[in-house]
Amino acid sequence: MIEDIKKDATTRMQKTVDGLKQSFTKLRTGRASTAILDHVRVDYYGSESPLSQVASVVVEDARTISIAPWDRNMIGAIEKAILASDLGITPNTAGTTIRINMPPLTEERRKDLVKVVKGETENARVAIRSVRRDANQSIKELAKEKIITADEEKGAEAAIQKLTDQFVAKADEVMAAKEKELLSV
């Protein structure tokens, strides 16, 4: 039973770190990356589809993303979807291709983005600690029902704490990498 609790805690903590990484892909750095368009959804003949399923999205150079729709009629819908997203970027249409030029970030904007990164990381840490609390609560219930001994309870709590420390460290590593990326010119 203790192993099941540890597996569940590990899975939930990993999902938290993965969610943190996913939220960081939406943060725009000075370089072009197709990942910032991953959450853009386009109205494709009445159904909401990810941009990557209705067009080819590629990085042309360090500051330009090129979008080539597979259906020419989709150009307007793709432009609307990009403008409606909260990315703050403007698409430029040239015939059958849409280009997005990524403007360089100002120093002030970089510092604001670092604050956002730190806030997101703190939220992830809180979520990881919440998973720890839930796991410890389950362990205490097992001990209360006399299913496990006091020594097993202490050992399990120590193992959960070790897991928590590992995943908080992973979240900090992800934050440090994103911070470095944001602050590099």
Protein backbone atom coordinates (compact mmCIF):
# COMPACT_ATOMS: atom_id res chain seq x y z
CA MET A 1 0.00 0.00 0.00
CA ILE A 2 2.86 2.38 0.76
CA GLU A 3 4.32 1.70 -2.69
CA ASP A 4 0.98 2.61 -4.30
CA ILE A 5 0.94 5.90 -2.40
CA LYS A 6 4.53 6.64 -3.49
CA LYS A 7 3.75 5.79 -7.13
CA ASP A 8 0.67 8.01 -7.10
CA ALA A 9 2.63 10.87 -5.52
CA THR A 10 5.45 10.46 -8.05
CA THR A 11 3.00 10.51 -10.96
CA ARG A 12 1.20 13.60 -9.69
CA MET A 13 4.47 15.45 -8.97
CA GLN A 14 5.80 14.60 -12.45
CA LYS A 15 2.57 15.93 -14.00
CA THR A 16 3.08 19.17 -12.08
CA VAL A 17 6.62 19.58 -13.46
CA ASP A 18 5.41 18.70 -16.98
CA GLY A 19 2.63 21.28 -16.64
CA LEU A 20 5.21 23.86 -15.60
CA LYS A 21 7.30 23.10 -18.71
CA GLN A 22 4.17 23.35 -20.85
CA SER A 23 3.23 26.73 -19.40
CA PHE A 24 6.77 27.98 -20.08
CA THR A 25 6.46 27.15 -23.79
CA LYS A 26 3.78 29.84 -24.03
CA LEU A 27 6.17 32.48 -22.70
CA ARG A 28 7.72 34.29 -25.59
CA THR A 29 11.45 34.76 -25.70
CA GLY A 30 13.27 36.85 -28.29
CA ARG A 31 13.82 33.78 -30.48
CA ALA A 32 11.23 32.24 -32.74
CA SER A 33 9.83 28.90 -31.59
CA THR A 34 6.89 26.95 -32.94
CA ALA A 35 6.03 25.92 -29.37
CA ILE A 36 4.42 29.30 -28.68
CA LEU A 37 1.72 28.45 -31.24
CA ASP A 38 0.96 25.01 -29.77
CA HIS A 39 -2.10 26.18 -27.86
CA VAL A 40 -3.56 28.24 -30.77
CA ARG A 41 -6.81 26.66 -31.99
CA VAL A 42 -8.27 27.40 -35.43
CA ASP A 43 -11.91 27.17 -36.50
CA TYR A 44 -11.60 24.48 -39.17
CA TYR A 45 -14.99 24.07 -40.83
CA GLY A 46 -16.90 24.30 -37.57
CA SER A 47 -14.52 22.44 -35.26
CA GLU A 48 -11.67 23.82 -33.17
CA SER A 49 -8.39 22.29 -34.34
CA PRO A 50 -4.79 22.87 -33.25
CA LEU A 51 -2.89 25.10 -35.68
CA SER A 52 -0.37 22.32 -36.34
CA GLN A 53 -3.18 20.14 -37.78
CA VAL A 54 -4.33 22.69 -40.37
CA ALA A 55 -0.97 24.12 -41.45
CA SER A 56 2.74 23.54 -41.61
CA VAL A 57 4.45 25.62 -38.91
CA VAL A 58 8.22 26.09 -39.27
CA VAL A 59 10.93 28.41 -37.97
CA GLU A 60 12.45 30.26 -40.94
CA ASP A 61 15.19 32.05 -39.02
CA ALA A 62 15.93 33.24 -35.48
CA ARG A 63 13.05 35.74 -35.47
CA THR A 64 10.56 34.45 -38.06
CA ILE A 65 7.91 31.71 -37.96
CA SER A 66 6.33 30.65 -41.24
CA ILE A 67 2.84 29.13 -41.43
CA ALA A 68 1.70 27.45 -44.66
CA PRO A 69 -1.95 26.34 -44.48
CA TRP A 70 -2.84 23.14 -46.31
CA ASP A 71 -6.11 24.75 -47.42
CA ARG A 72 -5.86 28.27 -48.90
CA ASN A 73 -9.29 29.17 -47.48
CA MET A 74 -7.88 28.83 -43.95
CA ILE A 75 -5.56 31.87 -44.11
CA GLY A 76 -8.16 34.25 -42.64
CA ALA A 77 -9.17 31.83 -39.88
CA ILE A 78 -5.53 31.24 -38.91
CA GLU A 79 -4.85 35.00 -38.76
CA LYS A 80 -7.93 35.51 -36.56
CA ALA A 81 -6.88 32.69 -34.24
CA ILE A 82 -3.36 34.11 -33.83
CA LEU A 83 -4.68 37.62 -33.19
CA ALA A 84 -7.23 36.27 -30.68
CA SER A 85 -4.55 34.35 -28.77
CA ASP A 86 -2.91 36.12 -25.85
CA LEU A 87 0.54 36.07 -27.47
CA GLY A 88 0.71 39.71 -28.52
CA ILE A 89 2.07 38.92 -31.99
CA THR A 90 0.80 40.07 -35.37
CA PRO A 91 0.73 37.77 -38.41
CA ASN A 92 1.76 39.09 -41.85
CA THR A 93 0.19 37.43 -44.89
CA ALA A 94 2.14 37.09 -48.12
CA GLY A 95 0.06 35.14 -50.63
CA THR A 96 -0.42 31.64 -49.28
CA THR A 97 2.07 32.01 -46.41
CA ILE A 98 1.65 33.68 -43.06
CA ARG A 99 4.80 34.98 -41.39
CA ILE A 100 5.19 36.00 -37.79
CA ASN A 101 8.11 38.26 -36.94
CA MET A 102 9.13 38.03 -33.30
CA PRO A 103 10.12 41.49 -32.07
CA PRO A 104 13.13 41.63 -29.76
CA LEU A 105 12.22 41.86 -26.08
CA THR A 106 13.03 44.98 -24.10
CA GLU A 107 15.01 44.64 -20.86
CA GLU A 108 11.93 45.66 -18.86
CA ARG A 109 9.77 43.03 -20.57
CA ARG A 110 12.43 40.37 -19.94
CA LYS A 111 12.39 41.18 -16.21
CA ASP A 112 8.59 41.02 -16.17
CA LEU A 113 8.70 37.62 -17.84
CA VAL A 114 11.25 36.40 -15.26
CA LYS A 115 8.79 37.44 -12.52
CA VAL A 116 6.06 35.44 -14.29
CA VAL A 117 8.40 32.42 -14.51
CA LYS A 118 9.17 32.66 -10.79
CA GLY A 119 5.46 32.92 -9.96
CA GLU A 120 4.61 29.87 -12.09
CA THR A 121 7.43 27.92 -10.44
CA GLU A 122 6.20 28.84 -6.97
CA ASN A 123 2.71 27.61 -7.94
CA ALA A 124 4.29 24.32 -9.06
CA ARG A 125 6.15 24.02 -5.74
CA VAL A 126 2.89 24.58 -3.86
CA ALA A 127 1.21 21.88 -5.97
CA ILE A 128 4.07 19.45 -5.26
CA ARG A 129 3.80 20.14 -1.52
CA SER A 130 0.06 19.58 -1.76
CA VAL A 131 0.71 16.14 -3.26
CA ARG A 132 3.13 15.48 -0.36
CA ARG A 133 0.45 16.49 2.14
CA ASP A 134 -2.10 14.15 0.50
CA ALA A 135 0.39 11.25 0.49
CA ASN A 136 1.33 11.84 4.14
CA GLN A 137 -2.37 11.97 5.04
CA SER A 138 -2.92 8.59 3.36
CA ILE A 139 0.07 7.15 5.25
CA LYS A 140 -1.24 8.49 8.57
CA GLU A 141 -4.63 6.87 7.88
CA LEU A 142 -2.93 3.52 7.27
CA ALA A 143 -1.05 3.89 10.56
CA LYS A 144 -4.22 4.94 12.38
CA GLU A 145 -6.01 1.83 11.11
CA LYS A 146 -3.00 -0.24 12.30
CA ILE A 147 -2.29 -1.48 8.74
CA ILE A 148 1.32 -0.29 8.99
CA THR A 149 3.64 0.15 11.96
CA ALA A 150 4.96 3.45 13.30
CA ASP A 151 8.41 2.69 11.86
CA GLU A 152 6.90 2.04 8.42
CA GLU A 153 4.97 5.29 8.72
CA LYS A 154 8.14 7.27 9.49
CA GLY A 155 10.03 5.56 6.65
CA ALA A 156 7.23 6.23 4.18
CA GLU A 157 7.00 9.90 5.21
CA ALA A 158 10.76 10.24 4.77
CA ALA A 159 10.51 8.68 1.29
CA ILE A 160 7.68 11.08 0.35
CA GLN A 161 9.77 14.02 1.60
CA LYS A 162 12.70 12.81 -0.52
CA LEU A 163 10.40 12.66 -3.58
CA THR A 164 9.12 16.15 -2.81
CA ASP A 165 12.67 17.51 -2.60
CA GLN A 166 13.56 15.87 -5.94
CA PHE A 167 10.57 17.33 -7.78
CA VAL A 168 10.99 20.80 -6.25
CA ALA A 169 14.60 20.66 -7.47
CA LYS A 170 13.37 19.65 -10.97
CA ALA A 171 10.95 22.60 -10.98
CA ASP A 172 13.81 24.90 -9.97
CA GLU A 173 15.98 23.51 -12.79
CA VAL A 174 13.20 24.18 -15.32
CA MET A 175 12.84 27.71 -13.93
CA ALA A 176 16.59 28.38 -14.10
CA ALA A 177 16.76 27.21 -17.73
CA LYS A 178 13.82 29.42 -18.73
CA GLU A 179 15.27 32.40 -16.84
CA LYS A 180 18.60 31.95 -18.61
CA GLU A 181 16.79 31.74 -21.96
CA LEU A 182 14.79 34.90 -21.23
CA LEU A 183 17.76 36.95 -20.06
CA SER A 184 20.12 35.96 -22.89
CA VAL A 185 20.14 38.59 -25.61
